[in-house]
Protein backbone atom coordinates (compact mmCIF):
# COMPACT_ATOMS: atom_id res chain seq x y z
CA UNK A 1 -148.73 222.30 7.53
CA UNK A 2 -151.98 222.38 8.95
CA UNK A 3 -153.50 220.15 11.77
CA UNK A 4 -155.11 217.81 9.25
CA UNK A 5 -151.46 217.51 7.67
CA UNK A 6 -150.03 214.22 9.10
CA UNK A 7 -147.68 214.10 6.04
CA UNK A 8 -146.52 217.61 6.79
CA UNK A 9 -146.33 216.95 10.68
CA UNK A 10 -144.19 213.92 10.02
CA UNK A 11 -141.63 215.94 7.81
CA UNK A 12 -141.43 218.83 10.75
CA UNK A 13 -140.49 216.32 13.17
CA UNK A 14 -137.78 214.61 11.02
CA UNK A 15 -136.37 217.97 10.50
CA UNK A 16 -136.88 219.81 13.90
CA UNK A 17 -136.00 216.05 16.17
CA UNK A 18 -133.42 213.96 13.49
CA UNK A 19 -131.91 217.07 11.39
CA UNK A 20 -133.45 214.91 8.11
CA UNK A 21 -134.81 216.89 5.45
CA UNK A 22 -137.15 215.60 2.62
CA UNK A 23 -138.65 218.55 0.29
CA UNK A 24 -141.75 217.96 -1.29
CA UNK A 25 -141.15 215.54 -4.08
CA UNK A 26 -141.19 212.74 -1.15
CA UNK A 27 -144.20 213.50 -0.28
CA UNK A 28 -145.73 209.72 -1.01
CA UNK A 29 -142.37 208.40 0.08
CA UNK A 30 -143.13 209.85 3.73
CA UNK A 31 -146.90 209.09 2.99
CA UNK A 32 -146.88 205.63 2.74
CA UNK A 33 -143.65 205.35 6.10
CA UNK A 34 -145.91 206.78 8.14
CA UNK A 35 -148.45 204.85 7.65
CA UNK A 36 -146.58 201.81 7.79
CA UNK A 37 -144.89 202.46 10.99
CA UNK A 38 -147.96 203.61 12.28
CA UNK A 39 -149.14 199.73 11.23
CA UNK A 40 -146.64 198.59 12.88
CA UNK A 41 -146.69 200.39 16.21
CA UNK A 42 -150.34 199.22 16.83
CA UNK A 43 -151.20 203.15 16.16
CA UNK A 44 -153.47 205.63 14.31
CA UNK A 45 -150.93 207.91 12.19
CA UNK A 46 -151.78 210.66 14.84
CA UNK A 47 -151.06 208.79 17.79
CA UNK A 48 -147.75 207.22 16.16
CA UNK A 49 -147.17 211.63 15.30
CA UNK A 50 -147.61 212.22 18.99
CA UNK A 51 -145.24 209.57 20.30
CA UNK A 52 -142.80 210.05 17.81
CA UNK A 53 -142.45 213.69 18.89
CA UNK A 54 -142.25 213.14 22.08
CA UNK A 55 -139.10 210.17 21.57
CA UNK A 56 -137.68 209.99 18.76
CA UNK A 57 -134.59 207.86 19.84
CA UNK A 58 -137.30 204.26 20.16
CA UNK A 59 -138.01 205.00 16.05
CA UNK A 60 -134.97 206.26 14.89
CA UNK A 61 -133.05 203.46 14.05
CA UNK A 62 -136.72 201.69 12.24
CA UNK A 63 -136.94 204.70 10.34
CA UNK A 64 -133.76 204.98 9.21
CA UNK A 65 -134.06 201.70 7.53
CA UNK A 66 -137.34 202.82 5.82
CA UNK A 67 -136.30 206.49 5.01
CA UNK A 68 -131.94 206.81 4.11
CA UNK A 69 -131.08 206.22 0.69
CA UNK A 70 -129.06 202.91 0.59
CA UNK A 71 -127.24 203.10 -3.26
CA UNK A 72 -123.61 202.73 -3.60
CA UNK A 73 -120.71 200.88 -4.81
CA UNK A 74 -117.12 199.74 -4.54
CA UNK A 75 -114.91 202.15 -5.82
CA UNK A 76 -117.41 204.97 -6.18
CA UNK A 77 -115.92 208.61 -7.54
CA UNK A 78 -112.40 207.02 -9.06
CA UNK A 79 -110.89 211.09 -8.93
CA UNK A 80 -111.63 210.83 -5.06
CA UNK A 81 -109.76 207.53 -4.42
CA UNK A 82 -106.34 208.67 -6.29
CA UNK A 83 -106.43 211.69 -4.42
CA UNK A 84 -106.59 209.65 -1.61
CA UNK A 85 -103.66 207.53 -3.03
CA UNK A 86 -101.24 209.81 -4.08
CA UNK A 87 -101.43 212.81 -2.04
CA UNK A 88 -103.41 212.03 1.42
CA UNK A 89 -102.61 208.51 2.23
CA UNK A 90 -98.47 209.19 2.11
CA UNK A 91 -98.81 212.75 3.99
CA UNK A 92 -100.44 211.46 6.68
CA UNK A 93 -98.34 208.08 7.07
CA UNK A 94 -95.45 210.18 7.33
CA UNK A 95 -97.00 212.55 10.05
CA UNK A 96 -98.35 209.38 11.10
CA UNK A 97 -95.44 207.04 11.26
CA UNK A 98 -97.32 204.86 8.95
CA UNK A 99 -100.83 204.04 10.77
CA UNK A 100 -103.28 205.93 9.62
CA UNK A 101 -107.07 206.15 10.75
CA UNK A 102 -110.24 206.98 7.98
CA UNK A 103 -113.29 207.56 9.06
CA UNK A 104 -116.61 206.87 6.57
CA UNK A 105 -119.56 208.47 7.10
CA UNK A 106 -122.71 207.57 5.76
CA UNK A 107 -120.89 204.26 5.18
CA UNK A 108 -124.60 202.29 4.01
CA UNK A 109 -124.08 198.29 3.20
CA UNK A 110 -120.27 198.95 3.95
CA UNK A 111 -118.84 199.55 -0.37
CA UNK A 112 -116.82 202.87 0.69
CA UNK A 113 -115.28 201.69 4.13
CA UNK A 114 -113.78 198.31 2.57
CA UNK A 115 -112.66 200.80 -1.12
CA UNK A 116 -110.74 202.81 1.75
CA UNK A 117 -109.35 200.31 3.26
CA UNK A 118 -108.38 198.59 -0.05
CA UNK A 119 -107.01 201.82 -1.61
CA UNK A 120 -104.51 201.79 1.27
CA UNK A 121 -103.44 198.57 1.79
CA UNK A 122 -102.77 198.87 -1.96
CA UNK A 123 -100.78 201.95 -1.04
CA UNK A 124 -98.78 200.60 1.36
CA UNK A 125 -100.35 202.32 4.54
CA UNK A 126 -101.49 200.89 7.93
CA UNK A 127 -105.11 201.68 7.79
CA UNK A 128 -107.98 200.89 10.77
CA UNK A 129 -110.86 202.33 8.92
CA UNK A 130 -114.97 203.00 11.11
CA UNK A 131 -117.86 202.79 9.39
CA UNK A 132 -120.85 204.54 10.58
CA UNK A 133 -124.60 205.44 9.70
CA UNK A 134 -127.91 205.73 11.18
CA UNK A 135 -129.51 202.34 9.44
CA UNK A 136 -128.86 199.02 11.30
CA UNK A 137 -130.01 197.24 8.68
CA UNK A 138 -127.51 198.13 5.94
CA UNK A 139 -124.76 197.93 8.80
CA UNK A 140 -125.75 194.36 9.42
CA UNK A 141 -124.81 193.60 5.60
CA UNK A 142 -121.59 195.47 6.07
CA UNK A 143 -120.54 193.30 8.81
CA UNK A 144 -121.06 190.12 6.49
CA UNK A 145 -118.62 191.99 4.32
CA UNK A 146 -120.53 189.65 1.13
CA UNK A 147 -121.55 191.58 -1.85
CA UNK A 148 -123.28 191.10 -5.59
CA UNK A 149 -120.95 191.50 -8.65
CA UNK A 150 -123.81 194.59 -8.87
CA UNK A 151 -121.55 196.52 -6.26
CA UNK A 152 -118.25 195.53 -7.58
CA UNK A 153 -119.49 197.15 -11.42
CA UNK A 154 -116.65 199.92 -11.14
CA UNK A 155 -114.26 197.64 -9.41
CA UNK A 156 -110.88 197.30 -11.38
CA UNK A 157 -110.22 193.15 -12.12
CA UNK A 158 -106.94 193.28 -10.59
CA UNK A 159 -108.24 194.38 -6.84
CA UNK A 160 -111.35 191.89 -7.92
CA UNK A 161 -108.92 189.06 -7.62
CA UNK A 162 -106.94 190.29 -4.93
CA UNK A 163 -109.26 191.61 -2.39
CA UNK A 164 -112.54 189.29 -3.02
CA UNK A 165 -113.70 185.45 -3.08
CA UNK A 166 -116.31 184.27 -5.17
CA UNK A 167 -118.83 182.84 -3.01
CA UNK A 168 -122.87 181.80 -2.94
CA UNK A 169 -123.02 183.49 -6.51
CA UNK A 170 -121.54 186.67 -4.98
CA UNK A 171 -118.47 188.08 -3.74
CA UNK A 172 -116.47 187.88 -0.38
CA UNK A 173 -114.17 190.08 0.56
CA UNK A 174 -110.72 188.95 1.67
CA UNK A 175 -110.68 187.86 5.55
CA UNK A 176 -107.47 189.74 5.97
CA UNK A 177 -108.43 192.81 4.39
CA UNK A 178 -111.89 192.77 7.24
CA UNK A 179 -109.46 193.32 10.38
CA UNK A 180 -108.89 196.95 8.93
CA UNK A 181 -112.76 197.70 9.27
CA UNK A 182 -114.81 198.06 12.02
CA UNK A 183 -118.91 199.49 11.81
CA UNK A 184 -120.96 201.65 14.28
CA UNK A 185 -124.41 201.90 14.75
CA UNK A 186 -124.46 206.04 14.84
CA UNK A 187 -126.64 209.45 13.69
CA UNK A 188 -123.81 211.02 11.98
CA UNK A 189 -124.92 214.92 13.26
CA UNK A 190 -125.37 213.39 17.11
CA UNK A 191 -122.56 214.76 19.38
CA UNK A 192 -120.23 211.53 20.64
CA UNK A 193 -116.87 212.30 22.58
CA UNK A 194 -115.24 209.73 21.69
CA UNK A 195 -116.56 209.36 17.60
CA UNK A 196 -115.52 212.92 17.87
CA UNK A 197 -112.39 213.22 19.61
CA UNK A 198 -110.50 216.38 18.29
CA UNK A 199 -107.35 215.22 15.89
CA UNK A 200 -108.66 211.38 15.79
CA UNK A 201 -109.07 210.57 12.05
CA UNK A 202 -106.53 211.59 9.31
CA UNK A 203 -109.27 211.52 7.02
CA UNK A 204 -112.96 211.61 6.30
CA UNK A 205 -114.94 211.00 3.34
CA UNK A 206 -118.63 212.32 3.89
CA UNK A 207 -120.22 212.10 0.67
CA UNK A 208 -123.91 212.53 -0.46
CA UNK A 209 -124.69 212.79 3.23
CA UNK A 210 -125.17 216.39 3.72
CA UNK A 211 -127.38 216.82 1.41
CA UNK A 212 -130.24 215.42 2.83
CA UNK A 213 -129.48 216.74 6.10
CA UNK A 214 -131.09 220.24 7.69
CA UNK A 215 -128.77 222.82 7.65
CA UNK A 216 -128.62 223.16 11.18
CA UNK A 217 -127.84 218.97 11.40
CA UNK A 218 -125.18 219.48 8.41
CA UNK A 219 -123.85 222.08 10.61
CA UNK A 220 -123.75 220.58 13.20
CA UNK A 221 -121.73 217.12 11.28
CA UNK A 222 -119.45 219.40 9.72
CA UNK A 223 -118.25 221.05 12.56
CA UNK A 224 -118.18 217.19 14.34
CA UNK A 225 -115.94 216.45 11.03
CA UNK A 226 -113.69 219.35 11.31
CA UNK A 227 -112.76 219.01 14.92
CA UNK A 228 -112.16 215.38 14.50
CA UNK A 229 -109.53 215.66 11.75
CA UNK A 230 -106.22 215.91 12.48
CA UNK A 231 -103.98 219.20 11.75
CA UNK A 232 -102.69 218.56 7.96
CA UNK A 233 -106.18 215.14 7.47
CA UNK A 234 -108.60 215.33 4.71
CA UNK A 235 -111.98 215.48 3.83
CA UNK A 236 -113.54 214.43 1.31
CA UNK A 237 -117.12 215.06 0.40
CA UNK A 238 -119.65 214.63 -2.71
CA UNK A 239 -119.99 215.89 -5.50
CA UNK A 240 -123.51 217.84 -4.26
CA UNK A 241 -122.22 218.84 -1.18
CA UNK A 242 -120.15 222.31 -0.54
CA UNK A 243 -119.03 224.02 2.66
CA UNK A 244 -117.91 226.85 -0.47
CA UNK A 245 -114.60 228.38 -0.39
CA UNK A 246 -113.84 230.06 2.99
CA UNK A 247 -115.48 226.99 5.51
CA UNK A 248 -114.23 227.44 9.27
CA UNK A 249 -110.44 225.73 10.04
CA UNK A 250 -110.14 224.37 6.30
CA UNK A 251 -108.46 224.99 3.21
CA UNK A 252 -110.40 223.66 -0.12
CA UNK A 253 -108.08 221.86 -2.57
CA UNK A 254 -108.25 220.86 -5.60
CA UNK A 255 -106.32 217.86 -7.80
CA UNK A 256 -106.31 214.78 -9.72
CA UNK A 257 -109.96 215.82 -11.19
CA UNK A 258 -111.34 215.85 -8.17
CA UNK A 259 -111.83 218.84 -4.99
CA UNK A 260 -111.32 218.13 -1.59
CA UNK A 261 -110.65 219.89 1.62
CA UNK A 262 -107.77 219.92 4.13
CA UNK A 263 -107.72 220.81 7.72
CA UNK A 264 -105.66 224.25 8.59
CA UNK A 265 -102.05 223.04 10.20
CA UNK A 266 -102.18 225.58 14.12
CA UNK A 267 -99.31 227.58 11.86
CA UNK A 268 -101.84 228.90 9.13
CA UNK A 269 -103.58 230.77 11.84
CA UNK A 270 -101.06 232.98 12.22
CA UNK A 271 -101.84 236.54 11.94
CA UNK A 272 -100.86 238.68 9.46
CA UNK A 273 -99.16 241.82 10.22
CA UNK A 274 -101.47 245.09 9.75
CA UNK A 275 -100.49 247.00 6.69
CA UNK A 276 -99.95 250.82 7.74
CA UNK A 277 -102.70 252.80 6.11
CA UNK A 278 -101.38 254.79 2.36
CA UNK A 279 -100.50 258.44 3.13
CA UNK A 280 -101.48 261.51 1.62
CA UNK A 281 -104.48 262.74 -0.61
CA UNK A 282 -106.94 260.35 -2.08
CA UNK A 283 -107.22 259.52 -5.56
CA UNK A 284 -109.88 261.39 -7.27
CA UNK A 285 -109.68 260.42 -10.69
CA UNK A 286 -108.93 256.32 -12.12
CA UNK A 287 -105.82 256.13 -13.57
CA UNK A 288 -106.55 256.44 -17.96
CA UNK A 289 -105.95 252.43 -17.72
CA UNK A 290 -107.73 251.70 -15.38
CA UNK A 291 -110.29 253.85 -17.42
CA UNK A 292 -109.75 252.20 -20.74
CA UNK A 293 -110.05 248.99 -19.82
CA UNK A 294 -113.76 249.71 -17.76
CA UNK A 295 -114.95 250.92 -21.00
CA UNK A 296 -113.40 247.70 -23.00
CA UNK A 297 -115.16 245.65 -20.17
CA UNK A 298 -118.35 247.33 -20.26
CA UNK A 299 -118.29 248.10 -24.55
CA UNK A 300 -117.27 243.78 -24.70
CA UNK A 301 -119.89 243.08 -22.47
CA UNK A 302 -122.59 244.64 -24.38
CA UNK A 303 -121.16 243.03 -27.73
CA UNK A 304 -121.77 239.72 -25.76
CA UNK A 305 -125.37 240.59 -25.18
CA UNK A 306 -126.00 241.40 -29.07
CA UNK A 307 -123.71 238.34 -29.78
CA UNK A 308 -121.36 240.12 -32.15
CA UNK A 309 -118.32 237.59 -30.61
CA UNK A 310 -115.45 238.56 -33.68
CA UNK A 311 -116.38 242.09 -32.46
CA UNK A 312 -116.18 241.27 -28.99
CA UNK A 313 -112.85 239.65 -28.86
CA UNK A 314 -111.12 242.57 -31.32
CA UNK A 315 -112.41 244.81 -28.39
CA UNK A 316 -110.89 242.86 -25.58
CA UNK A 317 -107.89 242.34 -27.75
CA UNK A 318 -107.57 246.54 -28.48
CA UNK A 319 -106.36 247.18 -24.57
CA UNK A 320 -105.29 243.68 -23.25
CA UNK A 321 -102.19 244.53 -21.58
CA UNK A 322 -99.64 242.30 -20.97
CA UNK A 323 -100.46 241.29 -17.17
CA UNK A 324 -104.20 241.38 -17.22
CA UNK A 325 -106.20 241.14 -14.12
CA UNK A 326 -108.15 238.31 -13.54
CA UNK A 327 -111.92 240.16 -14.55
CA UNK A 328 -110.48 241.57 -17.75
CA UNK A 329 -108.73 237.55 -18.08
CA UNK A 330 -112.16 235.91 -17.56
CA UNK A 331 -113.29 237.87 -20.36
CA UNK A 332 -111.19 237.35 -22.74
CA UNK A 333 -111.55 233.84 -21.98
CA UNK A 334 -115.32 233.81 -22.65
CA UNK A 335 -115.21 236.07 -25.69
CA UNK A 336 -112.82 233.29 -27.11
CA UNK A 337 -115.10 230.98 -25.75
CA UNK A 338 -118.17 231.86 -27.47
CA UNK A 339 -116.04 233.03 -30.80
CA UNK A 340 -115.00 229.19 -30.70
CA UNK A 341 -111.29 229.57 -30.26
CA UNK A 342 -111.59 226.77 -27.89
CA UNK A 343 -107.93 226.60 -26.98
CA UNK A 344 -106.85 229.89 -26.53
CA UNK A 345 -110.17 230.57 -24.24
CA UNK A 346 -108.92 227.41 -22.33
CA UNK A 347 -105.71 228.89 -22.05
CA UNK A 348 -107.04 232.57 -20.24
CA UNK A 349 -108.55 229.99 -18.04
CA UNK A 350 -105.87 228.75 -17.19
CA UNK A 351 -103.79 231.77 -16.90
CA UNK A 352 -106.78 232.89 -14.86
CA UNK A 353 -106.56 229.98 -12.09
CA UNK A 354 -102.66 230.48 -12.10
CA UNK A 355 -103.24 234.03 -10.22
CA UNK A 356 -106.44 232.20 -8.34
CA UNK A 357 -106.46 228.71 -8.28
CA UNK A 358 -110.15 229.38 -6.50
CA UNK A 359 -111.52 231.17 -9.11
CA UNK A 360 -115.01 229.68 -9.20
CA UNK A 361 -115.54 231.49 -12.40
CA UNK A 362 -112.21 230.49 -13.92
CA UNK A 363 -113.08 226.78 -13.37
CA UNK A 364 -116.62 227.63 -14.96
CA UNK A 365 -114.76 228.80 -17.96
CA UNK A 366 -112.40 225.40 -18.35
CA UNK A 367 -115.60 223.48 -18.38
CA UNK A 368 -117.14 225.15 -21.02
CA UNK A 369 -114.05 225.27 -23.02
CA UNK A 370 -114.44 220.63 -22.57
CA UNK A 371 -117.50 220.72 -22.75
CA UNK A 372 -118.09 219.70 -26.50
CA UNK A 373 -114.60 217.79 -26.23
CA UNK A 374 -114.51 215.96 -23.20
CA UNK A 375 -117.81 215.78 -20.88
CA UNK A 376 -116.18 214.58 -18.17
CA UNK A 377 -113.71 217.11 -17.84
CA UNK A 378 -116.50 219.44 -17.35
CA UNK A 379 -118.23 218.15 -15.64
CA UNK A 380 -115.13 217.93 -13.06
CA UNK A 381 -114.95 221.46 -13.68
CA UNK A 382 -118.37 222.62 -13.17
CA UNK A 383 -118.76 221.00 -9.62
CA UNK A 384 -115.19 222.69 -8.74
CA UNK A 385 -116.92 225.60 -9.52
CA UNK A 386 -119.59 224.67 -7.82
CA UNK A 387 -118.18 223.78 -4.22
CA UNK A 388 -116.32 227.58 -4.42
CA UNK A 389 -119.46 229.27 -5.00
CA UNK A 390 -122.33 228.07 -3.39
CA UNK A 391 -124.42 230.90 -5.08
CA UNK A 392 -123.23 230.37 -8.59
CA UNK A 393 -126.38 228.65 -10.39
CA UNK A 394 -124.86 228.48 -13.62
CA UNK A 395 -122.21 225.54 -13.07
CA UNK A 396 -125.39 223.51 -11.32
CA UNK A 397 -127.17 223.78 -15.05
CA UNK A 398 -124.47 222.43 -16.58
CA UNK A 399 -124.00 219.77 -14.92
CA UNK A 400 -127.29 219.18 -14.80
CA UNK A 401 -127.68 219.43 -18.45
CA UNK A 402 -124.61 216.81 -18.47
CA UNK A 403 -125.94 214.32 -16.23
CA UNK A 404 -129.11 213.75 -17.92
CA UNK A 405 -127.79 213.26 -21.03
CA UNK A 406 -125.72 210.65 -19.41
CA UNK A 407 -129.02 209.18 -18.20
CA UNK A 408 -128.76 209.87 -15.07
CA UNK A 409 -131.98 211.70 -14.07
CA UNK A 410 -132.07 211.58 -9.91
CA UNK A 411 -128.60 213.37 -9.69
CA UNK A 412 -129.40 216.17 -12.81
CA UNK A 413 -132.90 216.61 -10.99
CA UNK A 414 -130.36 217.68 -7.70
CA UNK A 415 -128.39 219.88 -9.63
CA UNK A 416 -131.17 221.66 -11.80
CA UNK A 417 -133.18 222.24 -8.67
CA UNK A 418 -130.47 223.78 -7.09
CA UNK A 419 -129.89 225.94 -10.48
CA UNK A 420 -133.58 226.60 -10.71
CA UNK A 421 -133.17 228.29 -6.96
CA UNK A 422 -129.87 229.92 -7.95
CA UNK A 423 -131.04 231.65 -10.98
CA UNK A 424 -133.01 234.10 -8.86
CA UNK A 425 -129.83 235.45 -7.47
CA UNK A 426 -127.38 235.20 -10.12
CA UNK A 427 -125.90 238.31 -11.25
CA UNK A 428 -126.76 240.20 -14.17
CA UNK A 429 -123.06 240.17 -15.73
CA UNK A 430 -122.69 236.13 -14.76
CA UNK A 431 -125.09 235.52 -16.94
CA UNK A 432 -124.13 237.77 -19.78
CA UNK A 433 -121.34 235.69 -19.63
CA UNK A 434 -122.11 232.34 -19.05
CA UNK A 435 -125.50 232.05 -19.97
CA UNK A 436 -124.69 231.32 -23.66
CA UNK A 437 -126.56 234.06 -25.41
CA UNK A 438 -130.03 233.47 -22.58
CA UNK A 439 -131.40 235.84 -20.56
CA UNK A 440 -132.29 234.99 -16.61
CA UNK A 441 -136.03 233.96 -17.94
CA UNK A 442 -134.75 232.31 -20.73
CA UNK A 443 -131.95 230.13 -18.81
CA UNK A 444 -134.62 229.32 -16.33
CA UNK A 445 -137.22 228.26 -19.10
CA UNK A 446 -134.18 226.08 -19.88
CA UNK A 447 -134.13 224.57 -16.17
CA UNK A 448 -137.44 223.57 -16.25
CA UNK A 449 -136.98 222.12 -19.58
CA UNK A 450 -134.37 219.94 -18.23
CA UNK A 451 -136.16 218.83 -15.79
CA UNK A 452 -139.68 217.57 -17.43
CA UNK A 453 -137.17 215.50 -19.22
CA UNK A 454 -135.87 214.48 -15.98
CA UNK A 455 -139.30 213.21 -14.89
CA UNK A 456 -140.29 211.33 -17.99
CA UNK A 457 -137.45 209.66 -18.30
CA UNK A 458 -137.53 208.64 -14.65
């Protein structure tokens, strides 16, 4: 950024003062907003930036109206709502004597907050739902409770009949249901003693918010939400958001075709007893079985690189133990999948997840097994793998390809951009296992070609 680059300076102020992140692809949009806000303030762009740098609070709401993403609809990501209904709400209702508190962070025009209330009512739970957003324009719509048919495009017919009333060519939320939901203007990463009171919420939904924040702002928001969750409470993030497999005070969970987090209860912090150090002379040589498996692994990987899949299967099966370690199970599943034996490959993947339910490689393997048969199942497995390992490029790449084929170029570009960055550091072994015969350079070229295709279709 230079002194003669007002858009770069604008981006830097948004980053430093508000924690909003905009990549290079947002330059034209930022330039347009800068010109409009400077004109509305009666200032030149330079004078406007001088004022903004010293007092972002007065401009925050106006900027939020122009810059925040407001696309949403009722019953978005049905798998998470199913997990909410059959797992999170029953658990929390039992712990709270039937009354649960839910928070929707980045609630936009209210569809998510009202959806949470509907799911709770239909599950027989009594809840209060708070929706927060930095954009006052969308909150004004949320408080009216009126929506177009497009906002209800994924809403089941029975739910539509029960909780909505047709009005003026659109739909209005049932008046009784609206008493469960309220809204508040708030910039999510900011601290607030009342909003983020420790243990206040049973369930927090924060979907597709972290991806638009700087790392510092996203980290602050995650800390706020974790502290505000009751022990045993649940956190649901968007498919593009992840905290990795070992976030502080949260345990990753997956089920019902999706991925989410649960607040660790105090008892889970007990420190395990330290094991005594082994006595006796150090083992200078590997056991014969371990040496055999190491040799098998290297030979099978070499055959994978040469695309000799049948031979790779034979090499693995030659010395495959009855109780194989996870690394061997993964290799076996991969060579089976490459050889076209998908049912057996899936079985190996599930055995691997029985040993380690949080294996990113295991979930990716299941995605590979399902990609040509059930794209939705494959996408869900790739999302879980990406959540579990933030450095894993391959599920981002495969998910980007799947999403682009479905026509969602915006979501595809997000995944492919991330994959392109992560491919630089992807391990050679993972590229061999999951690259489908392509090396790092070829995968990078593929990723860029898919991104170009996204641009053409936008």
